[in-house]
C-alpha atoms as a PDB file:
ATOM      1  CA  UNK A   1     -19.549  25.554  -1.043  1.00  0.00           C
ATOM      2  CA  UNK A   2     -19.371  24.260   2.508  1.00  0.00           C
ATOM      3  CA  UNK A   3     -22.922  23.177   3.354  1.00  0.00           C
ATOM      4  CA  UNK A   4     -22.001  22.925   7.018  1.00  0.00           C
ATOM      5  CA  UNK A   5     -21.876  26.721   7.164  1.00  0.00           C
ATOM      6  CA  UNK A   6     -24.359  27.650   4.455  1.00  0.00           C
ATOM      7  CA  UNK A   7     -27.619  26.164   3.187  1.00  0.00           C
ATOM      8  CA  UNK A   8     -27.861  26.334  -0.598  1.00  0.00           C
ATOM      9  CA  UNK A   9     -30.983  28.317  -1.569  1.00  0.00           C
ATOM     10  CA  UNK A  10     -32.385  25.542  -3.779  1.00  0.00           C
ATOM     11  CA  UNK A  11     -31.749  22.927  -1.120  1.00  0.00           C
ATOM     12  CA  UNK A  12     -33.366  24.992   1.610  1.00  0.00           C
ATOM     13  CA  UNK A  13     -36.361  25.923  -0.519  1.00  0.00           C
ATOM     14  CA  UNK A  14     -36.897  22.240  -1.381  1.00  0.00           C
ATOM     15  CA  UNK A  15     -37.209  21.264   2.296  1.00  0.00           C
ATOM     16  CA  UNK A  16     -39.022  24.456   3.319  1.00  0.00           C
ATOM     17  CA  UNK A  17     -41.757  23.894   0.723  1.00  0.00           C
ATOM     18  CA  UNK A  18     -42.351  20.325   1.903  1.00  0.00           C
ATOM     19  CA  UNK A  19     -41.968  20.641   5.662  1.00  0.00           C
ATOM     20  CA  UNK A  20     -41.701  24.155   7.100  1.00  0.00           C
ATOM     21  CA  UNK A  21     -43.338  27.514   6.857  1.00  0.00           C
ATOM     22  CA  UNK A  22     -41.281  30.664   6.586  1.00  0.00           C
ATOM     23  CA  UNK A  23     -38.926  32.601   8.860  1.00  0.00           C
ATOM     24  CA  UNK A  24     -37.083  29.501  10.024  1.00  0.00           C
ATOM     25  CA  UNK A  25     -33.634  29.719  11.531  1.00  0.00           C
ATOM     26  CA  UNK A  26     -31.190  27.121  10.213  1.00  0.00           C
ATOM     27  CA  UNK A  27     -28.168  26.537  12.464  1.00  0.00           C
ATOM     28  CA  UNK A  28     -25.392  24.087  11.517  1.00  0.00           C
ATOM     29  CA  UNK A  29     -24.470  21.524  14.143  1.00  0.00           C
ATOM     30  CA  UNK A  30     -21.234  19.703  14.738  1.00  0.00           C
ATOM     31  CA  UNK A  31     -21.863  16.378  13.038  1.00  0.00           C
ATOM     32  CA  UNK A  32     -20.221  13.278  11.689  1.00  0.00           C
ATOM     33  CA  UNK A  33     -18.175  13.087   8.547  1.00  0.00           C
ATOM     34  CA  UNK A  34     -20.951  11.836   6.248  1.00  0.00           C
ATOM     35  CA  UNK A  35     -24.166  13.827   6.783  1.00  0.00           C
ATOM     36  CA  UNK A  36     -24.733  17.570   7.064  1.00  0.00           C
ATOM     37  CA  UNK A  37     -26.810  18.235  10.185  1.00  0.00           C
ATOM     38  CA  UNK A  38     -28.880  21.324  11.034  1.00  0.00           C
ATOM     39  CA  UNK A  39     -31.051  22.484  13.868  1.00  0.00           C
ATOM     40  CA  UNK A  40     -34.074  24.284  12.477  1.00  0.00           C
ATOM     41  CA  UNK A  41     -36.444  26.551  14.410  1.00  0.00           C
ATOM     42  CA  UNK A  42     -39.765  26.637  12.527  1.00  0.00           C
ATOM     43  CA  UNK A  43     -42.551  29.141  13.051  1.00  0.00           C
ATOM     44  CA  UNK A  44     -44.356  26.855  15.526  1.00  0.00           C
ATOM     45  CA  UNK A  45     -41.403  27.141  17.896  1.00  0.00           C
ATOM     46  CA  UNK A  46     -40.637  23.401  18.107  1.00  0.00           C
ATOM     47  CA  UNK A  47     -37.041  22.877  17.023  1.00  0.00           C
ATOM     48  CA  UNK A  48     -36.189  19.879  14.879  1.00  0.00           C
ATOM     49  CA  UNK A  49     -33.120  18.283  13.308  1.00  0.00           C
ATOM     50  CA  UNK A  50     -32.549  18.187   9.553  1.00  0.00           C
ATOM     51  CA  UNK A  51     -29.977  15.672   8.286  1.00  0.00           C
ATOM     52  CA  UNK A  52     -28.843  15.742   4.675  1.00  0.00           C
ATOM     53  CA  UNK A  53     -27.027  12.709   3.311  1.00  0.00           C
ATOM     54  CA  UNK A  54     -24.217  12.594   0.752  1.00  0.00           C
ATOM     55  CA  UNK A  55     -24.825  12.608  -2.978  1.00  0.00           C
ATOM     56  CA  UNK A  56     -24.798   9.398  -5.005  1.00  0.00           C
ATOM     57  CA  UNK A  57     -21.445  10.430  -6.484  1.00  0.00           C
ATOM     58  CA  UNK A  58     -19.828  10.685  -3.049  1.00  0.00           C
ATOM     59  CA  UNK A  59     -21.211   7.268  -2.129  1.00  0.00           C
ATOM     60  CA  UNK A  60     -19.794   5.787  -5.342  1.00  0.00           C
ATOM     61  CA  UNK A  61     -16.328   7.008  -4.366  1.00  0.00           C
ATOM     62  CA  UNK A  62     -16.540   4.766  -1.334  1.00  0.00           C
ATOM     63  CA  UNK A  63     -15.471   3.181   0.909  1.00  0.00           C
ATOM     64  CA  UNK A  64     -17.436   0.031   0.180  1.00  0.00           C
ATOM     65  CA  UNK A  65     -19.539   0.269   3.332  1.00  0.00           C
ATOM     66  CA  UNK A  66     -21.160   3.586   2.350  1.00  0.00           C
ATOM     67  CA  UNK A  67     -24.822   3.404   1.312  1.00  0.00           C
ATOM     68  CA  UNK A  68     -26.775   5.522  -1.134  1.00  0.00           C
ATOM     69  CA  UNK A  69     -29.942   4.923   0.904  1.00  0.00           C
ATOM     70  CA  UNK A  70     -28.426   5.103   4.381  1.00  0.00           C
ATOM     71  CA  UNK A  71     -31.056   7.517   5.725  1.00  0.00           C
ATOM     72  CA  UNK A  72     -33.758   5.359   4.146  1.00  0.00           C
ATOM     73  CA  UNK A  73     -32.282   2.356   5.963  1.00  0.00           C
ATOM     74  CA  UNK A  74     -32.535   4.351   9.174  1.00  0.00           C
ATOM     75  CA  UNK A  75     -36.250   4.931   8.599  1.00  0.00           C
ATOM     76  CA  UNK A  76     -36.884   1.210   8.129  1.00  0.00           C
ATOM     77  CA  UNK A  77     -34.838   0.447  11.224  1.00  0.00           C
ATOM     78  CA  UNK A  78     -36.555   3.015  13.458  1.00  0.00           C
ATOM     79  CA  UNK A  79     -39.973   1.776  12.355  1.00  0.00           C
ATOM     80  CA  UNK A  80     -38.933  -1.670  13.569  1.00  0.00           C
ATOM     81  CA  UNK A  81     -37.344  -0.451  16.809  1.00  0.00           C
ATOM     82  CA  UNK A  82     -39.726   2.213  18.112  1.00  0.00           C
ATOM     83  CA  UNK A  83     -42.454  -0.204  19.319  1.00  0.00           C
ATOM     84  CA  UNK A  84     -39.810  -1.775  21.583  1.00  0.00           C
ATOM     85  CA  UNK A  85     -37.446   1.104  22.427  1.00  0.00           C
ATOM     86  CA  UNK A  86     -38.771   4.647  22.721  1.00  0.00           C
ATOM     87  CA  UNK A  87     -35.379   6.375  23.057  1.00  0.00           C
ATOM     88  CA  UNK A  88     -35.195   6.906  19.297  1.00  0.00           C
ATOM     89  CA  UNK A  89     -35.951  10.097  17.358  1.00  0.00           C
ATOM     90  CA  UNK A  90     -39.303  10.180  15.565  1.00  0.00           C
ATOM     91  CA  UNK A  91     -39.153  10.864  11.835  1.00  0.00           C
ATOM     92  CA  UNK A  92     -41.299  13.831  10.810  1.00  0.00           C
ATOM     93  CA  UNK A  93     -40.592  13.918   7.078  1.00  0.00           C
ATOM     94  CA  UNK A  94     -38.114  12.565   4.534  1.00  0.00           C
ATOM     95  CA  UNK A  95     -37.306  12.844   0.854  1.00  0.00           C
ATOM     96  CA  UNK A  96     -34.660  13.510  -1.762  1.00  0.00           C
ATOM     97  CA  UNK A  97     -33.106  16.776  -2.851  1.00  0.00           C
ATOM     98  CA  UNK A  98     -32.535  17.701  -6.466  1.00  0.00           C
ATOM     99  CA  UNK A  99     -29.470  15.724  -7.492  1.00  0.00           C
ATOM    100  CA  UNK A 100     -30.369  12.782  -5.298  1.00  0.00           C
ATOM    101  CA  UNK A 101     -29.243  13.847  -1.817  1.00  0.00           C
ATOM    102  CA  UNK A 102     -31.530  12.237   0.781  1.00  0.00           C
ATOM    103  CA  UNK A 103     -32.833  14.237   3.723  1.00  0.00           C
ATOM    104  CA  UNK A 104     -34.775  13.552   6.888  1.00  0.00           C
ATOM    105  CA  UNK A 105     -36.441  15.754   9.495  1.00  0.00           C
ATOM    106  CA  UNK A 106     -36.466  14.309  13.019  1.00  0.00           C
ATOM    107  CA  UNK A 107     -37.396  15.168  16.563  1.00  0.00           C
ATOM    108  CA  UNK A 108     -34.753  16.984  18.559  1.00  0.00           C
ATOM    109  CA  UNK A 109     -33.384  14.605  21.203  1.00  0.00           C
ATOM    110  CA  UNK A 110     -33.084  16.231  24.619  1.00  0.00           C
ATOM    111  CA  UNK A 111     -29.933  16.233  26.710  1.00  0.00           C
ATOM    112  CA  UNK A 112     -26.268  15.925  25.780  1.00  0.00           C
ATOM    113  CA  UNK A 113     -24.083  13.147  24.373  1.00  0.00           C
ATOM    114  CA  UNK A 114     -22.877  10.711  27.005  1.00  0.00           C
ATOM    115  CA  UNK A 115     -19.347  11.461  25.776  1.00  0.00           C
ATOM    116  CA  UNK A 116     -19.738  15.023  27.104  1.00  0.00           C
ATOM    117  CA  UNK A 117     -21.442  14.041  30.355  1.00  0.00           C
ATOM    118  CA  UNK A 118     -19.041  11.333  31.527  1.00  0.00           C
ATOM    119  CA  UNK A 119     -16.463  13.756  32.918  1.00  0.00           C
ATOM    120  CA  UNK A 120     -18.980  15.592  35.118  1.00  0.00           C
ATOM    121  CA  UNK A 121     -20.933  12.604  36.426  1.00  0.00           C
ATOM    122  CA  UNK A 122     -20.402  11.125  39.861  1.00  0.00           C
ATOM    123  CA  UNK A 123     -19.195   7.488  39.895  1.00  0.00           C
ATOM    124  CA  UNK A 124     -22.614   6.148  40.917  1.00  0.00           C
ATOM    125  CA  UNK A 125     -24.248   8.209  38.148  1.00  0.00           C
ATOM    126  CA  UNK A 126     -21.841   6.806  35.567  1.00  0.00           C
ATOM    127  CA  UNK A 127     -22.535   3.272  36.764  1.00  0.00           C
ATOM    128  CA  UNK A 128     -26.283   3.873  36.570  1.00  0.00           C
ATOM    129  CA  UNK A 129     -26.073   5.121  32.980  1.00  0.00           C
ATOM    130  CA  UNK A 130     -23.765   2.333  31.800  1.00  0.00           C
ATOM    131  CA  UNK A 131     -26.201  -0.158  33.349  1.00  0.00           C
ATOM    132  CA  UNK A 132     -28.993   1.534  31.393  1.00  0.00           C
ATOM    133  CA  UNK A 133     -26.926   1.312  28.206  1.00  0.00           C
ATOM    134  CA  UNK A 134     -26.419  -2.410  28.787  1.00  0.00           C
ATOM    135  CA  UNK A 135     -30.148  -2.892  29.349  1.00  0.00           C
ATOM    136  CA  UNK A 136     -30.951  -0.950  26.178  1.00  0.00           C
ATOM    137  CA  UNK A 137     -28.566  -3.103  24.162  1.00  0.00           C
ATOM    138  CA  UNK A 138     -30.098  -6.259  25.641  1.00  0.00           C
ATOM    139  CA  UNK A 139     -33.554  -5.085  24.562  1.00  0.00           C
ATOM    140  CA  UNK A 140     -32.218  -4.220  21.120  1.00  0.00           C
ATOM    141  CA  UNK A 141     -30.727  -7.678  20.590  1.00  0.00           C
ATOM    142  CA  UNK A 142     -34.113  -9.245  21.441  1.00  0.00           C
ATOM    143  CA  UNK A 143     -35.798  -7.590  18.453  1.00  0.00           C
ATOM    144  CA  UNK A 144     -35.907 -10.220  15.685  1.00  0.00           C
ATOM    145  CA  UNK A 145     -34.659  -9.096  12.278  1.00  0.00           C
ATOM    146  CA  UNK A 146     -36.150 -10.541   9.075  1.00  0.00           C
ATOM    147  CA  UNK A 147     -32.870 -11.259   7.270  1.00  0.00           C
ATOM    148  CA  UNK A 148     -29.114 -10.696   7.307  1.00  0.00           C
ATOM    149  CA  UNK A 149     -28.348  -7.479   5.449  1.00  0.00           C
ATOM    150  CA  UNK A 150     -29.469  -3.873   5.185  1.00  0.00           C
ATOM    151  CA  UNK A 151     -32.804  -2.793   6.697  1.00  0.00           C
ATOM    152  CA  UNK A 152     -34.152  -1.590   3.342  1.00  0.00           C
ATOM    153  CA  UNK A 153     -33.597  -5.030   1.816  1.00  0.00           C
ATOM    154  CA  UNK A 154     -31.266  -3.750  -0.899  1.00  0.00           C
ATOM    155  CA  UNK A 155     -28.627  -6.170   0.379  1.00  0.00           C
ATOM    156  CA  UNK A 156     -29.815  -9.531   1.655  1.00  0.00           C
ATOM    157  CA  UNK A 157     -27.562 -12.472   2.379  1.00  0.00           C
ATOM    158  CA  UNK A 158     -28.491 -16.144   2.667  1.00  0.00           C
ATOM    159  CA  UNK A 159     -26.604 -16.457   5.957  1.00  0.00           C
ATOM    160  CA  UNK A 160     -24.291 -14.597   8.316  1.00  0.00           C
ATOM    161  CA  UNK A 161     -20.981 -15.986   6.964  1.00  0.00           C
ATOM    162  CA  UNK A 162     -21.899 -14.647   3.513  1.00  0.00           C
ATOM    163  CA  UNK A 163     -22.490 -11.166   4.896  1.00  0.00           C
ATOM    164  CA  UNK A 164     -19.220 -11.158   6.834  1.00  0.00           C
ATOM    165  CA  UNK A 165     -17.316 -12.386   3.767  1.00  0.00           C
ATOM    166  CA  UNK A 166     -18.851  -9.509   1.796  1.00  0.00           C
ATOM    167  CA  UNK A 167     -17.624  -7.026   4.425  1.00  0.00           C
ATOM    168  CA  UNK A 168     -14.083  -8.395   4.084  1.00  0.00           C
ATOM    169  CA  UNK A 169     -14.176  -8.387   0.274  1.00  0.00           C
ATOM    170  CA  UNK A 170     -15.212  -4.744   0.338  1.00  0.00           C
ATOM    171  CA  UNK A 171     -12.363  -3.808   2.662  1.00  0.00           C
ATOM    172  CA  UNK A 172      -9.855  -5.605   0.440  1.00  0.00           C
ATOM    173  CA  UNK A 173     -11.142  -3.679  -2.588  1.00  0.00           C
ATOM    174  CA  UNK A 174     -10.979  -0.450  -0.580  1.00  0.00           C
ATOM    175  CA  UNK A 175      -7.340  -1.145   0.332  1.00  0.00           C
ATOM    176  CA  UNK A 176      -6.435  -1.603  -3.339  1.00  0.00           C
ATOM    177  CA  UNK A 177      -8.185   1.605  -4.402  1.00  0.00           C
ATOM    178  CA  UNK A 178      -6.827   3.646  -1.493  1.00  0.00           C
ATOM    179  CA  UNK A 179      -3.271   2.402  -1.762  1.00  0.00           C
ATOM    180  CA  UNK A 180      -3.347   0.781   1.673  1.00  0.00           C
ATOM    181  CA  UNK A 181      -1.348  -2.300   2.687  1.00  0.00           C
ATOM    182  CA  UNK A 182      -3.171  -5.448   1.594  1.00  0.00           C
ATOM    183  CA  UNK A 183      -1.896  -7.702   4.376  1.00  0.00           C
ATOM    184  CA  UNK A 184      -4.450  -6.752   7.089  1.00  0.00           C
ATOM    185  CA  UNK A 185      -7.610  -7.161   4.953  1.00  0.00           C
ATOM    186  CA  UNK A 186      -6.160 -10.318   3.416  1.00  0.00           C
ATOM    187  CA  UNK A 187      -5.585 -11.723   6.902  1.00  0.00           C
ATOM    188  CA  UNK A 188      -9.189 -10.808   7.717  1.00  0.00           C
ATOM    189  CA  UNK A 189     -10.484 -12.633   4.648  1.00  0.00           C
ATOM    190  CA  UNK A 190      -8.404 -15.702   5.469  1.00  0.00           C
ATOM    191  CA  UNK A 191      -9.570 -15.768   9.093  1.00  0.00           C
ATOM    192  CA  UNK A 192     -13.179 -15.588   7.946  1.00  0.00           C
ATOM    193  CA  UNK A 193     -12.626 -18.582   5.669  1.00  0.00           C
ATOM    194  CA  UNK A 194     -10.991 -20.576   8.485  1.00  0.00           C
ATOM    195  CA  UNK A 195     -13.786 -19.823  10.919  1.00  0.00           C
ATOM    196  CA  UNK A 196     -16.753 -20.318   8.615  1.00  0.00           C
ATOM    197  CA  UNK A 197     -18.282 -22.860  11.002  1.00  0.00           C
ATOM    198  CA  UNK A 198     -17.966 -20.458  13.941  1.00  0.00           C
ATOM    199  CA  UNK A 199     -19.625 -17.680  11.951  1.00  0.00           C
ATOM    200  CA  UNK A 200     -22.412 -20.069  10.978  1.00  0.00           C
ATOM    201  CA  UNK A 201     -23.216 -20.410  14.694  1.00  0.00           C
ATOM    202  CA  UNK A 202     -24.341 -16.774  14.572  1.00  0.00           C
ATOM    203  CA  UNK A 203     -27.544 -17.880  12.897  1.00  0.00           C
ATOM    204  CA  UNK A 204     -29.957 -15.293  14.356  1.00  0.00           C
ATOM    205  CA  UNK A 205     -30.191 -11.857  12.809  1.00  0.00           C
ATOM    206  CA  UNK A 206     -30.633  -8.999  15.284  1.00  0.00           C
ATOM    207  CA  UNK A 207     -30.750  -5.217  15.062  1.00  0.00           C
ATOM    208  CA  UNK A 208     -27.213  -3.801  15.295  1.00  0.00           C
ATOM    209  CA  UNK A 209     -26.516  -0.051  15.388  1.00  0.00           C
ATOM    210  CA  UNK A 210     -22.940  -0.538  14.059  1.00  0.00           C
ATOM    211  CA  UNK A 211     -21.685   2.825  15.344  1.00  0.00           C
ATOM    212  CA  UNK A 212     -22.970   2.853  18.899  1.00  0.00           C
ATOM    213  CA  UNK A 213     -20.673   4.797  21.203  1.00  0.00           C
ATOM    214  CA  UNK A 214     -21.032   7.602  23.790  1.00  0.00           C
ATOM    215  CA  UNK A 215     -21.258  10.251  21.033  1.00  0.00           C
ATOM    216  CA  UNK A 216     -24.534   8.757  19.832  1.00  0.00           C
ATOM    217  CA  UNK A 217     -26.062   8.067  23.252  1.00  0.00           C
ATOM    218  CA  UNK A 218     -27.841  11.130  24.670  1.00  0.00           C
ATOM    219  CA  UNK A 219     -28.505  11.522  28.365  1.00  0.00           C
ATOM    220  CA  UNK A 220     -30.634  13.971  30.309  1.00  0.00           C
ATOM    221  CA  UNK A 221     -31.159  14.742  33.971  1.00  0.00           C
ATOM    222  CA  UNK A 222     -34.661  14.673  35.383  1.00  0.00           C
ATOM    223  CA  UNK A 223     -36.193  14.811  38.855  1.00  0.00           C
ATOM    224  CA  UNK A 224     -35.249  11.176  39.463  1.00  0.00           C
ATOM    225  CA  UNK A 225     -31.682  11.472  38.144  1.00  0.00           C
ATOM    226  CA  UNK A 226     -29.898  10.798  34.881  1.00  0.00           C
ATOM    227  CA  UNK A 227     -31.437   8.707  32.118  1.00  0.00           C
ATOM    228  CA  UNK A 228     -30.838   7.814  28.491  1.00  0.00           C
ATOM    229  CA  UNK A 229     -32.906  10.274  26.477  1.00  0.00           C
ATOM    230  CA  UNK A 230     -32.099   9.078  22.976  1.00  0.00           C
ATOM    231  CA  UNK A 231     -29.944   7.086  20.585  1.00  0.00           C
ATOM    232  CA  UNK A 232     -29.111   8.819  17.311  1.00  0.00           C
ATOM    233  CA  UNK A 233     -27.454   8.129  13.938  1.00  0.00           C
ATOM    234  CA  UNK A 234     -28.908   4.755  12.957  1.00  0.00           C
ATOM    235  CA  UNK A 235     -28.217   5.120   9.228  1.00  0.00           C
ATOM    236  CA  UNK A 236     -25.560   2.388   9.176  1.00  0.00           C
ATOM    237  CA  UNK A 237     -27.515   0.020  11.368  1.00  0.00           C
ATOM    238  CA  UNK A 238     -27.994  -3.430   9.949  1.00  0.00           C
ATOM    239  CA  UNK A 239     -29.415  -6.883  10.566  1.00  0.00           C
ATOM    240  CA  UNK A 240     -26.476  -8.887  11.850  1.00  0.00           C
ATOM    241  CA  UNK A 241     -25.102 -11.046  14.662  1.00  0.00           C
ATOM    242  CA  UNK A 242     -25.781  -9.224  17.935  1.00  0.00           C
ATOM    243  CA  UNK A 243     -22.174  -9.790  19.048  1.00  0.00           C
ATOM    244  CA  UNK A 244     -20.904  -7.564  16.225  1.00  0.00           C
ATOM    245  CA  UNK A 245     -22.092  -4.392  18.006  1.00  0.00           C
ATOM    246  CA  UNK A 246     -18.986  -2.243  18.460  1.00  0.00           C
ATOM    247  CA  UNK A 247     -19.899  -0.985  21.930  1.00  0.00           C
ATOM    248  CA  UNK A 248     -20.233  -4.551  23.219  1.00  0.00           C
ATOM    249  CA  UNK A 249     -16.807  -5.420  21.796  1.00  0.00           C
ATOM    250  CA  UNK A 250     -15.285  -2.322  23.383  1.00  0.00           C
ATOM    251  CA  UNK A 251     -16.723  -3.213  26.773  1.00  0.00           C
ATOM    252  CA  UNK A 252     -15.521  -6.810  26.606  1.00  0.00           C
ATOM    253  CA  UNK A 253     -12.002  -5.561  25.777  1.00  0.00           C
ATOM    254  CA  UNK A 254     -11.846  -3.612  29.048  1.00  0.00           C
ATOM    255  CA  UNK A 255     -10.371  -5.101  32.252  1.00  0.00           C
ATOM    256  CA  UNK A 256     -12.867  -7.299  34.087  1.00  0.00           C
ATOM    257  CA  UNK A 257     -12.926  -4.947  37.087  1.00  0.00           C
ATOM    258  CA  UNK A 258     -13.487  -1.798  35.011  1.00  0.00           C
ATOM    259  CA  UNK A 259     -16.522  -0.074  36.624  1.00  0.00           C
ATOM    260  CA  UNK A 260     -18.130   0.801  33.281  1.00  0.00           C
ATOM    261  CA  UNK A 261     -17.733  -2.786  32.054  1.00  0.00           C
ATOM    262  CA  UNK A 262     -19.178  -4.221  35.257  1.00  0.00           C
ATOM    263  CA  UNK A 263     -22.193  -1.901  35.177  1.00  0.00           C
ATOM    264  CA  UNK A 264     -22.768  -2.390  31.439  1.00  0.00           C
ATOM    265  CA  UNK A 265     -22.721  -6.201  31.700  1.00  0.00           C
ATOM    266  CA  UNK A 266     -24.988  -6.033  34.735  1.00  0.00           C
ATOM    267  CA  UNK A 267     -27.603  -4.494  32.448  1.00  0.00           C
ATOM    268  CA  UNK A 268     -26.715  -6.472  29.337  1.00  0.00           C
ATOM    269  CA  UNK A 269     -26.721  -9.918  30.904  1.00  0.00           C
ATOM    270  CA  UNK A 270     -24.660 -13.062  30.192  1.00  0.00           C
ATOM    271  CA  UNK A 271     -22.237 -13.085  27.267  1.00  0.00           C
ATOM    272  CA  UNK A 272     -21.454 -16.214  25.256  1.00  0.00           C
ATOM    273  CA  UNK A 273     -17.910 -17.222  26.204  1.00  0.00           C
ATOM    274  CA  UNK A 274     -17.622 -20.279  23.940  1.00  0.00           C
ATOM    275  CA  UNK A 275     -14.636 -20.586  21.610  1.00  0.00           C
ATOM    276  CA  UNK A 276     -16.979 -20.131  18.652  1.00  0.00           C
ATOM    277  CA  UNK A 277     -18.270 -16.801  19.983  1.00  0.00           C
ATOM    278  CA  UNK A 278     -14.731 -15.690  20.880  1.00  0.00           C
ATOM    279  CA  UNK A 279     -13.544 -16.404  17.338  1.00  0.00           C
ATOM    280  CA  UNK A 280     -16.488 -14.541  15.846  1.00  0.00           C
ATOM    281  CA  UNK A 281     -15.880 -11.474  17.985  1.00  0.00           C
ATOM    282  CA  UNK A 282     -12.200 -11.417  16.973  1.00  0.00           C
ATOM    283  CA  UNK A 283     -13.332 -11.225  13.338  1.00  0.00           C
ATOM    284  CA  UNK A 284     -15.764  -8.425  14.129  1.00  0.00           C
ATOM    285  CA  UNK A 285     -12.959  -6.430  15.744  1.00  0.00           C
ATOM    286  CA  UNK A 286     -10.962  -6.762  12.526  1.00  0.00           C
ATOM    287  CA  UNK A 287     -13.876  -5.556  10.413  1.00  0.00           C
ATOM    288  CA  UNK A 288     -14.374  -2.594  12.741  1.00  0.00           C
ATOM    289  CA  UNK A 289     -10.714  -1.631  12.410  1.00  0.00           C
ATOM    290  CA  UNK A 290     -10.991  -1.847   8.638  1.00  0.00           C
ATOM    291  CA  UNK A 291     -14.017   0.438   8.657  1.00  0.00           C
ATOM    292  CA  UNK A 292     -12.214   2.915  10.902  1.00  0.00           C
ATOM    293  CA  UNK A 293      -9.148   2.906   8.655  1.00  0.00           C
ATOM    294  CA  UNK A 294     -11.053   3.435   5.403  1.00  0.00           C
ATOM    295  CA  UNK A 295     -13.154   6.182   6.959  1.00  0.00           C
ATOM    296  CA  UNK A 296      -9.986   7.983   8.089  1.00  0.00           C
ATOM    297  CA  UNK A 297      -8.636   7.796   4.532  1.00  0.00           C
ATOM    298  CA  UNK A 298     -11.943   9.055   3.136  1.00  0.00           C
ATOM    299  CA  UNK A 299     -11.834  12.021   5.509  1.00  0.00           C
ATOM    300  CA  UNK A 300      -8.171  12.773   4.792  1.00  0.00           C
ATOM    301  CA  UNK A 301      -7.303  12.399   8.478  1.00  0.00           C
ATOM    302  CA  UNK A 302      -3.667  11.294   8.397  1.00  0.00           C
ATOM    303  CA  UNK A 303      -3.242  10.906  12.159  1.00  0.00           C
ATOM    304  CA  UNK A 304      -6.356   8.753  12.489  1.00  0.00           C
ATOM    305  CA  UNK A 305      -5.322   6.778   9.417  1.00  0.00           C
ATOM    306  CA  UNK A 306      -1.905   5.984  10.862  1.00  0.00           C
ATOM    307  CA  UNK A 307      -3.355   4.967  14.224  1.00  0.00           C
ATOM    308  CA  UNK A 308      -6.057   2.775  12.676  1.00  0.00           C
ATOM    309  CA  UNK A 309      -3.573   1.125  10.303  1.00  0.00           C
ATOM    310  CA  UNK A 310      -1.205   0.334  13.178  1.00  0.00           C
ATOM    311  CA  UNK A 311      -4.073  -1.233  15.134  1.00  0.00           C
ATOM    312  CA  UNK A 312      -5.274  -3.200  12.092  1.00  0.00           C
ATOM    313  CA  UNK A 313      -1.720  -4.487  11.557  1.00  0.00           C
ATOM    314  CA  UNK A 314      -1.489  -5.588  15.191  1.00  0.00           C
ATOM    315  CA  UNK A 315      -4.824  -7.331  14.925  1.00  0.00           C
ATOM    316  CA  UNK A 316      -3.662  -9.154  11.779  1.00  0.00           C
ATOM    317  CA  UNK A 317      -0.197  -9.848  13.251  1.00  0.00           C
ATOM    318  CA  UNK A 318       1.493  -8.500  10.120  1.00  0.00           C
END
C-alpha cells in the first residue's frame, strides 16, 4: 500500500480519535523521502499538517543516521527554539501508531518554499530574504544546547570529536552494507583522526537543523514585502558545532561576489576563517556528502547515487 496516496483505515482512525472530529479531508502532500505528509481539513476549518514517520523496521534497515524517534527529537528541538525563533510550526498533538510509527500534528506554515519563490523574486527581494535567512541562522547558533548529540538525549557524546567520529563510523558501516566503495568514508575517518585537535576547538554545542535548504524555508508576502514565514522539517536537527550547518557550508562555497552569499553573510555576521575552522568545515562537507550518498542508495535513486558518489570521491581525492 502506498500511504502517500491512501490513508490506512486503522492509521487514520487512530489519529482521528485522538485529534480530530469527523468529516475531515486528508490530502497527501509532496514530501521528503522519509515521512508521509498530509494536509488535513478538520471540522473547525483550520487546516493542519500530519506527518507520519517510518516504522522501526525501516529505521533498522538504515542508513546509520536514521532515527527511530526523529519526530520526537523534533518536538524537543522546537520546544527549545520557539522562545527564541517564532518561525517554527507549533506542535498540536503527537503519538505513536499501532506498530510503532510516530506521528505529529502541526500548524500549517503559510507561504511557499523559498526554492519555489526564488525564480519569481526581484533581485532586491532575493537579497532581502537571504539576509533574513542569515539573521535567522545567527539567532539559531546563539541558542545554547545542553550537550553534543540528539535533542531527545538518546545519543549523547562527551565532546564534539566523539560525535563526528561516530558519524564517520556509521558511514563506513553503511558503505559496507550497501556495497559502496570504502575509500571515501575511510578517507573521512582518517581525516577526522588527523584533525582531532581542530575538531576539539568546536567546543560549544549549538542547535543545527542539519537539512536546512530553500525547500525547508517558507516565505510569504505581506503588506511590507516578503518575509520568512516558517522553517520546517527539524526531525534530524541535532546539538552540534554551528559550522556544520549545511546551508552555511553551501554559502561559503559560493564565489565571494555571489549576491546570495553576500546578503546571507550580511545577516549571519563574521565567519571564523582560522585554519582550525577551515579544517573542520572540510570534514563537515565530507559527512554531508556521505549522508547524501547513503540517502540516494536508500531511495533507489541511481542518478543521485552516481552524482553523490562522484562528489564524495572528489572530496576524498580517491
